[in-house]
Amino acid sequence: MSWRAITEDDKDGRRLVVAGGTYVRGNRLILPQLFPSMVAWDGQDWLICDNEGEKAVIRNPKRALDLPEG
């Protein structure tokens, strides 16, 4: 597995790991993305796969890493 550019094909709903974007939680906390995050495209944003309260997204990630199948 290696990092690659994000493509439109990645917006098919599957989960992947992204890096190099902006972390946004609840439209209030906005920070550079400091570490890779597992996300899925929800039709509007790269939604972080967590259950930690308000919606969290990664905006404009630069690279992606596919998760192994299984």
C-alpha atoms as a PDB file:
ATOM      1  CA  MET A   1       0.000   0.000   0.000  1.00  0.00           C
ATOM      2  CA  SER A   2       1.215   3.481  -0.787  1.00  0.00           C
ATOM      3  CA  TRP A   3      -0.156   7.017  -0.794  1.00  0.00           C
ATOM      4  CA  ARG A   4      -1.754   8.235  -4.030  1.00  0.00           C
ATOM      5  CA  ALA A   5      -3.695  11.199  -5.346  1.00  0.00           C
ATOM      6  CA  ILE A   6      -7.427  11.362  -4.604  1.00  0.00           C
ATOM      7  CA  THR A   7      -9.714  10.821  -7.604  1.00  0.00           C
ATOM      8  CA  GLU A   8     -13.435  11.137  -8.292  1.00  0.00           C
ATOM      9  CA  ASP A   9     -13.636   7.330  -8.128  1.00  0.00           C
ATOM     10  CA  ASP A  10     -12.891   7.584  -4.383  1.00  0.00           C
ATOM     11  CA  LYS A  11     -16.296   9.220  -3.866  1.00  0.00           C
ATOM     12  CA  ASP A  12     -18.098   5.875  -4.082  1.00  0.00           C
ATOM     13  CA  GLY A  13     -18.816   5.604  -0.337  1.00  0.00           C
ATOM     14  CA  ARG A  14     -16.060   3.178   0.622  1.00  0.00           C
ATOM     15  CA  ARG A  15     -13.743   4.010   3.483  1.00  0.00           C
ATOM     16  CA  LEU A  16     -10.185   5.123   2.930  1.00  0.00           C
ATOM     17  CA  VAL A  17      -7.454   6.951   4.805  1.00  0.00           C
ATOM     18  CA  VAL A  18      -6.695  10.536   3.778  1.00  0.00           C
ATOM     19  CA  ALA A  19      -4.049  13.099   4.691  1.00  0.00           C
ATOM     20  CA  GLY A  20      -2.979  16.650   3.907  1.00  0.00           C
ATOM     21  CA  GLY A  21      -6.333  18.405   4.338  1.00  0.00           C
ATOM     22  CA  THR A  22      -8.109  20.601   6.873  1.00  0.00           C
ATOM     23  CA  TYR A  23      -9.819  19.083   9.939  1.00  0.00           C
ATOM     24  CA  VAL A  24     -13.227  20.620  10.720  1.00  0.00           C
ATOM     25  CA  ARG A  25     -15.437  19.635  13.674  1.00  0.00           C
ATOM     26  CA  GLY A  26     -18.863  21.250  13.953  1.00  0.00           C
ATOM     27  CA  ASN A  27     -17.826  24.191  11.694  1.00  0.00           C
ATOM     28  CA  ARG A  28     -16.073  25.704  14.716  1.00  0.00           C
ATOM     29  CA  LEU A  29     -12.823  23.847  15.212  1.00  0.00           C
ATOM     30  CA  ILE A  30     -10.770  24.264  12.031  1.00  0.00           C
ATOM     31  CA  LEU A  31      -7.168  23.016  12.017  1.00  0.00           C
ATOM     32  CA  PRO A  32      -4.605  21.673   9.579  1.00  0.00           C
ATOM     33  CA  GLN A  33      -4.943  17.881   9.475  1.00  0.00           C
ATOM     34  CA  LEU A  34      -2.087  16.688  11.707  1.00  0.00           C
ATOM     35  CA  PHE A  35      -2.467  12.935  11.139  1.00  0.00           C
ATOM     36  CA  PRO A  36      -4.181  10.604   8.646  1.00  0.00           C
ATOM     37  CA  SER A  37      -7.899   9.930   9.178  1.00  0.00           C
ATOM     38  CA  MET A  38     -10.270   7.193   8.045  1.00  0.00           C
ATOM     39  CA  VAL A  39     -13.096   8.806   6.072  1.00  0.00           C
ATOM     40  CA  ALA A  40     -15.957   8.088   3.670  1.00  0.00           C
ATOM     41  CA  TRP A  41     -17.501  10.455   1.109  1.00  0.00           C
ATOM     42  CA  ASP A  42     -21.047  11.358   2.230  1.00  0.00           C
ATOM     43  CA  GLY A  43     -22.040  13.213  -0.934  1.00  0.00           C
ATOM     44  CA  GLN A  44     -20.794  16.566   0.340  1.00  0.00           C
ATOM     45  CA  ASP A  45     -17.740  16.062   2.581  1.00  0.00           C
ATOM     46  CA  TRP A  46     -15.086  13.543   3.571  1.00  0.00           C
ATOM     47  CA  LEU A  47     -16.767  12.407   6.780  1.00  0.00           C
ATOM     48  CA  ILE A  48     -14.470  11.159   9.544  1.00  0.00           C
ATOM     49  CA  CYS A  49     -15.497   7.709  10.724  1.00  0.00           C
ATOM     50  CA  ASP A  50     -15.874   8.326  14.461  1.00  0.00           C
ATOM     51  CA  ASN A  51     -18.602   8.725  17.041  1.00  0.00           C
ATOM     52  CA  GLU A  52     -17.102  11.645  18.940  1.00  0.00           C
ATOM     53  CA  GLY A  53     -19.995  14.136  18.966  1.00  0.00           C
ATOM     54  CA  GLU A  54     -20.454  16.797  16.308  1.00  0.00           C
ATOM     55  CA  LYS A  55     -19.876  15.976  12.633  1.00  0.00           C
ATOM     56  CA  ALA A  56     -16.196  16.026  11.738  1.00  0.00           C
ATOM     57  CA  VAL A  57     -14.850  16.209   8.194  1.00  0.00           C
ATOM     58  CA  ILE A  58     -11.606  16.553   6.301  1.00  0.00           C
ATOM     59  CA  ARG A  59     -11.742  19.251   3.645  1.00  0.00           C
ATOM     60  CA  ASN A  60      -9.495  19.174   0.577  1.00  0.00           C
ATOM     61  CA  PRO A  61      -7.315  16.170   1.449  1.00  0.00           C
ATOM     62  CA  LYS A  62      -4.274  15.824  -0.792  1.00  0.00           C
ATOM     63  CA  ARG A  63      -3.600  12.069  -0.754  1.00  0.00           C
ATOM     64  CA  ALA A  64      -5.322   8.770  -0.015  1.00  0.00           C
ATOM     65  CA  LEU A  65      -4.426   5.290   1.136  1.00  0.00           C
ATOM     66  CA  ASP A  66      -6.706   2.360   0.296  1.00  0.00           C
ATOM     67  CA  LEU A  67      -7.738   0.076   3.149  1.00  0.00           C
ATOM     68  CA  PRO A  68      -7.148  -3.647   2.685  1.00  0.00           C
ATOM     69  CA  GLU A  69     -10.221  -5.640   1.681  1.00  0.00           C
ATOM     70  CA  GLY A  70     -11.672  -8.032   4.161  1.00  0.00           C
END
